[in-house]
Amino acid sequence: MIGTPAAVPGYDCTIDELMVVTFSRALADDTRAFNGAASFIPVCAYRLARRTHAPDLVWAASSIAVDADPETIGSSTLSDELWGGASMLANSPFDFWSYAEGARYNTFAFRGAQMDAYGNVNNSVIGPYDSPKVRLPGGGGMADLGCMMPRIYLWSTRHDPRTFVERLHFRSGIGWGDGGEHRASLGLAGGPRLCITSLCVFDFEPASKRMRLASLHPGVSVDDVQAATGFEVLLPGGPVPVTARPSTEELHILRTEVDPTGARLREF
């Protein structure tokens, strides 16, 4: 079901547009990314970044179509509807694994039914694994890609205590693990960089690797975020900034070139 995202107070945009622009600005020119299922926000961010500040960004649509440039984003981010304009198609969905293992692809984005303070993700079960209350779609490649990808981004269009939890019911994909040096002790490079939600942007405190408020979306307070989060939210040393306003150019490109049919709204 496609929802109607809220307008951002004081900005000439809606929350979906703010999330896409914020995500795109975090992507560097050397990004080599691919996408998984139901990843409309990341797909829009990759496409927007390539049209603005990161022209050399490489995106493999559905993990198959390298440098795809479709006219629109279709009903699924794993569909061949995304393959238009690609410079190359992989021979099978499995070919990308060798590139992921060697970090030739260096960026991936996760969303889960549950996320904890260290950026670990659950998309497998709610409740005990052997007798769950809810059986979720599954982790797909989360378990492997969480270990392989040096640059991990998290996003969620729903920010509430059911999504952001103190303890996952199941760890489908690793972020910073148990925090601190845990990920590094396992020999895993990189880790989560940001988590972009409908209320705020989190980064990760360098020592503890816990989520820390990096910015608040307009009209949102620290208390609002804490009330919607099931773990203690870390604060920066000074005032929490407001998430930067999208430019007129970024919004125009997003609305008319990147996603003119509003496929990103499927996440709301």
C-alpha atoms as a PDB file:
ATOM      1  CA  MET A   1       0.000   0.000   0.000  1.00  0.00           C
ATOM      2  CA  ILE A   2       1.319   3.436  -0.928  1.00  0.00           C
ATOM      3  CA  GLY A   3       1.037   5.991   1.857  1.00  0.00           C
ATOM      4  CA  THR A   4       1.187   9.769   1.940  1.00  0.00           C
ATOM      5  CA  PRO A   5       4.404  10.961   3.606  1.00  0.00           C
ATOM      6  CA  ALA A   6       4.162  14.031   5.806  1.00  0.00           C
ATOM      7  CA  ALA A   7       5.325  17.440   4.678  1.00  0.00           C
ATOM      8  CA  VAL A   8       8.535  18.607   6.320  1.00  0.00           C
ATOM      9  CA  PRO A   9       7.835  21.789   8.352  1.00  0.00           C
ATOM     10  CA  GLY A  10       9.532  24.816   6.826  1.00  0.00           C
ATOM     11  CA  TYR A  11      10.940  22.856   3.887  1.00  0.00           C
ATOM     12  CA  ASP A  12       9.359  22.633   0.442  1.00  0.00           C
ATOM     13  CA  CYS A  13       9.414  18.839   0.467  1.00  0.00           C
ATOM     14  CA  THR A  14       7.989  15.714   2.074  1.00  0.00           C
ATOM     15  CA  ILE A  15       9.749  13.312   4.417  1.00  0.00           C
ATOM     16  CA  ASP A  16      10.440  10.764   1.674  1.00  0.00           C
ATOM     17  CA  GLU A  17      12.241  13.443  -0.329  1.00  0.00           C
ATOM     18  CA  LEU A  18      14.254  14.571   2.696  1.00  0.00           C
ATOM     19  CA  MET A  19      15.325  10.992   3.383  1.00  0.00           C
ATOM     20  CA  VAL A  20      16.401  10.386  -0.231  1.00  0.00           C
ATOM     21  CA  VAL A  21      18.368  13.636  -0.472  1.00  0.00           C
ATOM     22  CA  THR A  22      20.047  13.068   2.906  1.00  0.00           C
ATOM     23  CA  PHE A  23      20.985   9.525   1.894  1.00  0.00           C
ATOM     24  CA  SER A  24      22.324  10.659  -1.491  1.00  0.00           C
ATOM     25  CA  ARG A  25      24.543  13.330   0.058  1.00  0.00           C
ATOM     26  CA  ALA A  26      26.254  10.669   2.174  1.00  0.00           C
ATOM     27  CA  LEU A  27      27.419   8.775  -0.937  1.00  0.00           C
ATOM     28  CA  ALA A  28      30.901   9.462  -2.262  1.00  0.00           C
ATOM     29  CA  ASP A  29      32.023   9.466  -5.893  1.00  0.00           C
ATOM     30  CA  ASP A  30      33.828   6.142  -5.360  1.00  0.00           C
ATOM     31  CA  THR A  31      30.634   4.382  -4.239  1.00  0.00           C
ATOM     32  CA  ARG A  32      30.097   1.006  -5.914  1.00  0.00           C
ATOM     33  CA  ALA A  33      26.670  -0.104  -4.779  1.00  0.00           C
ATOM     34  CA  PHE A  34      23.961  -2.607  -5.516  1.00  0.00           C
ATOM     35  CA  ASN A  35      20.487  -3.016  -4.072  1.00  0.00           C
ATOM     36  CA  GLY A  36      18.221  -5.654  -2.608  1.00  0.00           C
ATOM     37  CA  ALA A  37      14.478  -6.099  -2.355  1.00  0.00           C
ATOM     38  CA  ALA A  38      12.067  -3.281  -1.439  1.00  0.00           C
ATOM     39  CA  SER A  39      14.909  -0.747  -1.532  1.00  0.00           C
ATOM     40  CA  PHE A  40      13.203   2.220  -3.156  1.00  0.00           C
ATOM     41  CA  ILE A  41      14.796   4.856  -0.892  1.00  0.00           C
ATOM     42  CA  PRO A  42      18.383   3.623  -1.520  1.00  0.00           C
ATOM     43  CA  VAL A  43      17.766   3.201  -5.271  1.00  0.00           C
ATOM     44  CA  CYS A  44      16.527   6.791  -5.476  1.00  0.00           C
ATOM     45  CA  ALA A  45      19.520   7.955  -3.437  1.00  0.00           C
ATOM     46  CA  TYR A  46      22.020   6.183  -5.715  1.00  0.00           C
ATOM     47  CA  ARG A  47      20.394   7.681  -8.805  1.00  0.00           C
ATOM     48  CA  LEU A  48      20.206  11.170  -7.325  1.00  0.00           C
ATOM     49  CA  ALA A  49      23.826  11.139  -6.149  1.00  0.00           C
ATOM     50  CA  ARG A  50      25.009  10.119  -9.614  1.00  0.00           C
ATOM     51  CA  ARG A  51      23.075  13.009 -11.174  1.00  0.00           C
ATOM     52  CA  THR A  52      24.452  15.574  -8.740  1.00  0.00           C
ATOM     53  CA  HIS A  53      27.697  15.355  -6.784  1.00  0.00           C
ATOM     54  CA  ALA A  54      28.883  11.778  -7.532  1.00  0.00           C
ATOM     55  CA  PRO A  55      28.900  11.225 -11.318  1.00  0.00           C
ATOM     56  CA  ASP A  56      31.324   8.279 -11.058  1.00  0.00           C
ATOM     57  CA  LEU A  57      29.129   6.341  -8.618  1.00  0.00           C
ATOM     58  CA  VAL A  58      28.538   2.798  -9.859  1.00  0.00           C
ATOM     59  CA  TRP A  59      25.152   1.211  -9.201  1.00  0.00           C
ATOM     60  CA  ALA A  60      24.249  -2.374 -10.117  1.00  0.00           C
ATOM     61  CA  ALA A  61      20.455  -2.410 -10.324  1.00  0.00           C
ATOM     62  CA  SER A  62      19.020  -5.557  -8.724  1.00  0.00           C
ATOM     63  CA  SER A  63      22.674  -6.674  -8.399  1.00  0.00           C
ATOM     64  CA  ILE A  64      22.649  -7.421 -12.143  1.00  0.00           C
ATOM     65  CA  ALA A  65      22.447  -4.298 -14.341  1.00  0.00           C
ATOM     66  CA  VAL A  66      25.610  -2.210 -14.048  1.00  0.00           C
ATOM     67  CA  ASP A  67      25.127   1.550 -14.485  1.00  0.00           C
ATOM     68  CA  ALA A  68      21.433   1.126 -15.199  1.00  0.00           C
ATOM     69  CA  ASP A  69      19.488   4.278 -16.015  1.00  0.00           C
ATOM     70  CA  PRO A  70      15.793   3.367 -16.296  1.00  0.00           C
ATOM     71  CA  GLU A  71      13.231   6.013 -17.182  1.00  0.00           C
ATOM     72  CA  THR A  72      11.207   5.076 -14.091  1.00  0.00           C
ATOM     73  CA  ILE A  73      11.512   2.830 -11.057  1.00  0.00           C
ATOM     74  CA  GLY A  74       9.040  -0.023 -11.348  1.00  0.00           C
ATOM     75  CA  SER A  75       7.035  -2.038  -8.876  1.00  0.00           C
ATOM     76  CA  SER A  76      10.043  -3.945  -7.517  1.00  0.00           C
ATOM     77  CA  THR A  77      13.696  -3.084  -6.995  1.00  0.00           C
ATOM     78  CA  LEU A  78      14.603  -6.648  -8.010  1.00  0.00           C
ATOM     79  CA  SER A  79      12.729  -6.475 -11.305  1.00  0.00           C
ATOM     80  CA  ASP A  80      14.178  -6.180 -14.800  1.00  0.00           C
ATOM     81  CA  GLU A  81      12.162  -2.959 -14.996  1.00  0.00           C
ATOM     82  CA  LEU A  82      15.271  -1.339 -13.471  1.00  0.00           C
ATOM     83  CA  TRP A  83      17.713  -2.580 -16.107  1.00  0.00           C
ATOM     84  CA  GLY A  84      17.138   0.019 -18.803  1.00  0.00           C
ATOM     85  CA  GLY A  85      20.231   1.811 -20.076  1.00  0.00           C
ATOM     86  CA  ALA A  86      22.681  -0.544 -18.360  1.00  0.00           C
ATOM     87  CA  SER A  87      26.207  -0.809 -19.727  1.00  0.00           C
ATOM     88  CA  MET A  88      26.423  -4.486 -18.742  1.00  0.00           C
ATOM     89  CA  LEU A  89      24.232  -7.276 -17.407  1.00  0.00           C
ATOM     90  CA  ALA A  90      25.657  -9.954 -15.144  1.00  0.00           C
ATOM     91  CA  ASN A  91      25.057 -13.468 -16.417  1.00  0.00           C
ATOM     92  CA  SER A  92      23.178 -14.483 -13.267  1.00  0.00           C
ATOM     93  CA  PRO A  93      22.140 -13.030  -9.903  1.00  0.00           C
ATOM     94  CA  PHE A  94      24.980 -14.974  -8.315  1.00  0.00           C
ATOM     95  CA  ASP A  95      27.814 -13.371 -10.272  1.00  0.00           C
ATOM     96  CA  PHE A  96      27.919 -10.297  -8.067  1.00  0.00           C
ATOM     97  CA  TRP A  97      29.030 -12.341  -5.031  1.00  0.00           C
ATOM     98  CA  SER A  98      32.652 -12.491  -6.170  1.00  0.00           C
ATOM     99  CA  TYR A  99      32.670  -8.708  -6.460  1.00  0.00           C
ATOM    100  CA  ALA A 100      31.042  -8.335  -3.054  1.00  0.00           C
ATOM    101  CA  GLU A 101      33.475 -10.736  -1.387  1.00  0.00           C
ATOM    102  CA  GLY A 102      36.427  -8.767  -2.718  1.00  0.00           C
ATOM    103  CA  ALA A 103      34.814  -5.415  -1.840  1.00  0.00           C
ATOM    104  CA  ARG A 104      34.793  -4.308  -5.466  1.00  0.00           C
ATOM    105  CA  TYR A 105      31.234  -3.522  -4.516  1.00  0.00           C
ATOM    106  CA  ASN A 106      31.687  -1.484  -1.365  1.00  0.00           C
ATOM    107  CA  THR A 107      28.229  -0.189  -0.409  1.00  0.00           C
ATOM    108  CA  PHE A 108      24.923  -1.759   0.573  1.00  0.00           C
ATOM    109  CA  ALA A 109      21.824  -0.583   2.460  1.00  0.00           C
ATOM    110  CA  PHE A 110      19.754  -2.561   4.951  1.00  0.00           C
ATOM    111  CA  ARG A 111      16.296  -2.134   6.383  1.00  0.00           C
ATOM    112  CA  GLY A 112      14.783  -4.537   8.886  1.00  0.00           C
ATOM    113  CA  ALA A 113      11.722  -5.152  10.996  1.00  0.00           C
ATOM    114  CA  GLN A 114      13.980  -4.585  14.001  1.00  0.00           C
ATOM    115  CA  MET A 115      17.229  -2.660  14.411  1.00  0.00           C
ATOM    116  CA  ASP A 116      19.275  -2.267  17.571  1.00  0.00           C
ATOM    117  CA  ALA A 117      21.594   0.426  18.885  1.00  0.00           C
ATOM    118  CA  TYR A 118      24.624  -1.123  17.161  1.00  0.00           C
ATOM    119  CA  GLY A 119      23.074  -1.273  13.696  1.00  0.00           C
ATOM    120  CA  ASN A 120      22.331  -4.996  13.749  1.00  0.00           C
ATOM    121  CA  VAL A 121      19.194  -5.970  11.846  1.00  0.00           C
ATOM    122  CA  ASN A 122      16.437  -8.567  12.245  1.00  0.00           C
ATOM    123  CA  ASN A 123      14.249  -9.533   9.320  1.00  0.00           C
ATOM    124  CA  SER A 124      13.696 -13.190  10.240  1.00  0.00           C
ATOM    125  CA  VAL A 125      11.338 -13.713  13.193  1.00  0.00           C
ATOM    126  CA  ILE A 126       9.487 -11.900  15.961  1.00  0.00           C
ATOM    127  CA  GLY A 127       9.539 -14.087  19.055  1.00  0.00           C
ATOM    128  CA  PRO A 128      11.462 -17.352  19.605  1.00  0.00           C
ATOM    129  CA  TYR A 129      13.018 -18.700  16.416  1.00  0.00           C
ATOM    130  CA  ASP A 130      11.503 -22.171  16.790  1.00  0.00           C
ATOM    131  CA  SER A 131       7.988 -20.891  17.559  1.00  0.00           C
ATOM    132  CA  PRO A 132       7.806 -17.273  16.405  1.00  0.00           C
ATOM    133  CA  LYS A 133       4.844 -14.957  16.780  1.00  0.00           C
ATOM    134  CA  VAL A 134       5.618 -13.661  13.289  1.00  0.00           C
ATOM    135  CA  ARG A 135       7.709 -15.251  10.555  1.00  0.00           C
ATOM    136  CA  LEU A 136       9.286 -12.399   8.593  1.00  0.00           C
ATOM    137  CA  PRO A 137      10.473 -12.488   4.945  1.00  0.00           C
ATOM    138  CA  GLY A 138      13.993 -13.533   5.936  1.00  0.00           C
ATOM    139  CA  GLY A 139      17.431 -12.045   5.807  1.00  0.00           C
ATOM    140  CA  GLY A 140      18.214 -12.841   2.183  1.00  0.00           C
ATOM    141  CA  GLY A 141      21.877 -11.980   1.857  1.00  0.00           C
ATOM    142  CA  MET A 142      22.026  -9.918   5.060  1.00  0.00           C
ATOM    143  CA  ALA A 143      24.138 -12.397   6.996  1.00  0.00           C
ATOM    144  CA  ASP A 144      26.833 -12.478   4.306  1.00  0.00           C
ATOM    145  CA  LEU A 145      26.661  -8.893   3.103  1.00  0.00           C
ATOM    146  CA  GLY A 146      26.766  -7.488   6.624  1.00  0.00           C
ATOM    147  CA  CYS A 147      30.173  -9.140   6.939  1.00  0.00           C
ATOM    148  CA  MET A 148      31.453  -8.260   3.464  1.00  0.00           C
ATOM    149  CA  MET A 149      30.422  -4.670   2.896  1.00  0.00           C
ATOM    150  CA  PRO A 150      32.800  -2.004   4.242  1.00  0.00           C
ATOM    151  CA  ARG A 151      30.122   0.700   3.865  1.00  0.00           C
ATOM    152  CA  ILE A 152      26.710  -0.116   5.299  1.00  0.00           C
ATOM    153  CA  TYR A 153      23.788   2.293   5.416  1.00  0.00           C
ATOM    154  CA  LEU A 154      20.563   1.711   7.308  1.00  0.00           C
ATOM    155  CA  TRP A 155      17.210   3.327   6.718  1.00  0.00           C
ATOM    156  CA  SER A 156      13.674   3.057   8.015  1.00  0.00           C
ATOM    157  CA  THR A 157      10.543   4.930   7.029  1.00  0.00           C
ATOM    158  CA  ARG A 158       9.047   3.823  10.358  1.00  0.00           C
ATOM    159  CA  HIS A 159      10.652   5.061  13.561  1.00  0.00           C
ATOM    160  CA  ASP A 160       8.993   3.539  16.610  1.00  0.00           C
ATOM    161  CA  PRO A 161       9.942   1.340  19.609  1.00  0.00           C
ATOM    162  CA  ARG A 162       8.865  -1.818  17.763  1.00  0.00           C
ATOM    163  CA  THR A 163      11.438  -1.132  15.056  1.00  0.00           C
ATOM    164  CA  PHE A 164      14.287   0.348  17.117  1.00  0.00           C
ATOM    165  CA  VAL A 165      14.689  -2.165  19.937  1.00  0.00           C
ATOM    166  CA  GLU A 166      17.057  -2.790  22.839  1.00  0.00           C
ATOM    167  CA  ARG A 167      17.558  -6.416  21.804  1.00  0.00           C
ATOM    168  CA  LEU A 168      16.805  -8.136  18.515  1.00  0.00           C
ATOM    169  CA  HIS A 169      14.743 -11.306  18.536  1.00  0.00           C
ATOM    170  CA  PHE A 170      17.116 -12.654  15.883  1.00  0.00           C
ATOM    171  CA  ARG A 171      20.237 -11.204  14.287  1.00  0.00           C
ATOM    172  CA  SER A 172      19.754 -11.549  10.524  1.00  0.00           C
ATOM    173  CA  GLY A 173      22.568  -9.156   9.628  1.00  0.00           C
ATOM    174  CA  ILE A 174      25.483  -7.783  11.590  1.00  0.00           C
ATOM    175  CA  GLY A 175      26.231  -4.102  12.007  1.00  0.00           C
ATOM    176  CA  TRP A 176      28.681  -3.298  14.791  1.00  0.00           C
ATOM    177  CA  GLY A 177      27.853  -6.579  16.534  1.00  0.00           C
ATOM    178  CA  ASP A 178      28.084  -6.187  20.306  1.00  0.00           C
ATOM    179  CA  GLY A 179      29.657  -2.754  19.933  1.00  0.00           C
ATOM    180  CA  GLY A 180      33.136  -1.433  20.575  1.00  0.00           C
ATOM    181  CA  GLU A 181      35.776  -3.501  18.802  1.00  0.00           C
ATOM    182  CA  HIS A 182      33.555  -6.565  18.330  1.00  0.00           C
ATOM    183  CA  ARG A 183      33.227  -6.205  14.565  1.00  0.00           C
ATOM    184  CA  ALA A 184      36.956  -5.610  14.114  1.00  0.00           C
ATOM    185  CA  SER A 185      37.760  -8.587  16.359  1.00  0.00           C
ATOM    186  CA  LEU A 186      35.880 -10.787  13.878  1.00  0.00           C
ATOM    187  CA  GLY A 187      38.108  -9.552  11.069  1.00  0.00           C
ATOM    188  CA  LEU A 188      35.301  -7.610   9.402  1.00  0.00           C
ATOM    189  CA  ALA A 189      36.115  -4.369   7.629  1.00  0.00           C
ATOM    190  CA  GLY A 190      34.064  -1.200   7.870  1.00  0.00           C
ATOM    191  CA  GLY A 191      30.565  -1.178   9.295  1.00  0.00           C
ATOM    192  CA  PRO A 192      27.404   0.936   9.448  1.00  0.00           C
ATOM    193  CA  ARG A 193      27.891   4.631   8.764  1.00  0.00           C
ATOM    194  CA  LEU A 194      24.459   6.188   9.074  1.00  0.00           C
ATOM    195  CA  CYS A 195      20.876   5.251   9.849  1.00  0.00           C
ATOM    196  CA  ILE A 196      18.362   7.561   8.167  1.00  0.00           C
ATOM    197  CA  THR A 197      14.812   7.470   9.521  1.00  0.00           C
ATOM    198  CA  SER A 198      11.572   9.381   9.231  1.00  0.00           C
ATOM    199  CA  LEU A 199      12.513  11.376  12.367  1.00  0.00           C
ATOM    200  CA  CYS A 200      16.264  11.863  12.308  1.00  0.00           C
ATOM    201  CA  VAL A 201      19.701  10.762  11.170  1.00  0.00           C
ATOM    202  CA  PHE A 202      21.891   8.617  13.409  1.00  0.00           C
ATOM    203  CA  ASP A 203      25.611   8.141  13.088  1.00  0.00           C
ATOM    204  CA  PHE A 204      27.625   5.777  15.288  1.00  0.00           C
ATOM    205  CA  GLU A 205      29.721   6.946  18.250  1.00  0.00           C
ATOM    206  CA  PRO A 206      33.330   6.000  17.398  1.00  0.00           C
ATOM    207  CA  ALA A 207      34.239   4.158  20.602  1.00  0.00           C
ATOM    208  CA  SER A 208      31.017   2.389  21.643  1.00  0.00           C
ATOM    209  CA  LYS A 209      29.619   2.107  18.090  1.00  0.00           C
ATOM    210  CA  ARG A 210      26.150   2.927  19.417  1.00  0.00           C
ATOM    211  CA  MET A 211      23.674   4.990  17.407  1.00  0.00           C
ATOM    212  CA  ARG A 212      24.080   8.695  18.115  1.00  0.00           C
ATOM    213  CA  LEU A 213      21.893  11.552  16.963  1.00  0.00           C
ATOM    214  CA  ALA A 214      23.565  13.292  14.047  1.00  0.00           C
ATOM    215  CA  SER A 215      20.604  15.501  13.074  1.00  0.00           C
ATOM    216  CA  LEU A 216      16.917  16.006  13.755  1.00  0.00           C
ATOM    217  CA  HIS A 217      14.426  16.530  10.965  1.00  0.00           C
ATOM    218  CA  PRO A 218      12.570  19.865  11.211  1.00  0.00           C
ATOM    219  CA  GLY A 219       9.832  19.843  13.837  1.00  0.00           C
ATOM    220  CA  VAL A 220      11.306  16.823  15.672  1.00  0.00           C
ATOM    221  CA  SER A 221      12.801  17.101  19.166  1.00  0.00           C
ATOM    222  CA  VAL A 222      15.295  14.937  21.036  1.00  0.00           C
ATOM    223  CA  ASP A 223      12.440  13.849  23.305  1.00  0.00           C
ATOM    224  CA  ASP A 224      10.396  12.810  20.237  1.00  0.00           C
ATOM    225  CA  VAL A 225      13.218  10.573  19.037  1.00  0.00           C
ATOM    226  CA  GLN A 226      13.829   9.065  22.469  1.00  0.00           C
ATOM    227  CA  ALA A 227      10.123   8.306  22.919  1.00  0.00           C
ATOM    228  CA  ALA A 228      10.100   6.523  19.557  1.00  0.00           C
ATOM    229  CA  THR A 229      13.272   4.517  20.260  1.00  0.00           C
ATOM    230  CA  GLY A 230      13.499   1.406  22.417  1.00  0.00           C
ATOM    231  CA  PHE A 231      17.075   2.056  23.559  1.00  0.00           C
ATOM    232  CA  GLU A 232      18.914   5.023  25.027  1.00  0.00           C
ATOM    233  CA  VAL A 233      19.765   7.510  22.290  1.00  0.00           C
ATOM    234  CA  LEU A 234      23.251   8.972  22.502  1.00  0.00           C
ATOM    235  CA  LEU A 235      23.632  12.707  21.955  1.00  0.00           C
ATOM    236  CA  PRO A 236      26.543  14.623  20.440  1.00  0.00           C
ATOM    237  CA  GLY A 237      28.693  16.871  22.592  1.00  0.00           C
ATOM    238  CA  GLY A 238      26.865  20.022  21.494  1.00  0.00           C
ATOM    239  CA  PRO A 239      23.456  20.962  20.134  1.00  0.00           C
ATOM    240  CA  VAL A 240      21.890  18.507  17.691  1.00  0.00           C
ATOM    241  CA  PRO A 241      21.725  20.139  14.240  1.00  0.00           C
ATOM    242  CA  VAL A 242      18.674  20.160  12.009  1.00  0.00           C
ATOM    243  CA  THR A 243      18.872  17.909   8.941  1.00  0.00           C
ATOM    244  CA  ALA A 244      19.957  20.089   6.015  1.00  0.00           C
ATOM    245  CA  ARG A 245      17.348  21.379   3.602  1.00  0.00           C
ATOM    246  CA  PRO A 246      17.269  19.761   0.139  1.00  0.00           C
ATOM    247  CA  SER A 247      18.157  22.167  -2.631  1.00  0.00           C
ATOM    248  CA  THR A 248      15.690  23.201  -5.298  1.00  0.00           C
ATOM    249  CA  GLU A 249      17.854  21.418  -7.871  1.00  0.00           C
ATOM    250  CA  GLU A 250      17.971  18.152  -5.906  1.00  0.00           C
ATOM    251  CA  LEU A 251      14.195  18.128  -5.475  1.00  0.00           C
ATOM    252  CA  HIS A 252      13.619  18.912  -9.143  1.00  0.00           C
ATOM    253  CA  ILE A 253      15.918  16.085 -10.273  1.00  0.00           C
ATOM    254  CA  LEU A 254      14.355  13.637  -7.815  1.00  0.00           C
ATOM    255  CA  ARG A 255      10.810  14.504  -8.877  1.00  0.00           C
ATOM    256  CA  THR A 256      11.329  14.692 -12.631  1.00  0.00           C
ATOM    257  CA  GLU A 257      14.269  12.398 -13.476  1.00  0.00           C
ATOM    258  CA  VAL A 258      15.063   9.991 -10.647  1.00  0.00           C
ATOM    259  CA  ASP A 259      11.578   8.929  -9.570  1.00  0.00           C
ATOM    260  CA  PRO A 260       8.864  10.774 -11.507  1.00  0.00           C
ATOM    261  CA  THR A 261       6.239   8.118 -10.718  1.00  0.00           C
ATOM    262  CA  GLY A 262       6.846   8.208  -6.949  1.00  0.00           C
ATOM    263  CA  ALA A 263       7.913   4.577  -6.550  1.00  0.00           C
ATOM    264  CA  ARG A 264       9.657   5.565  -3.297  1.00  0.00           C
ATOM    265  CA  LEU A 265       6.217   6.081  -1.736  1.00  0.00           C
ATOM    266  CA  ARG A 266       5.783   2.294  -1.685  1.00  0.00           C
ATOM    267  CA  GLU A 267       7.855   2.319   1.494  1.00  0.00           C
ATOM    268  CA  PHE A 268       5.309   4.472   3.324  1.00  0.00           C
END
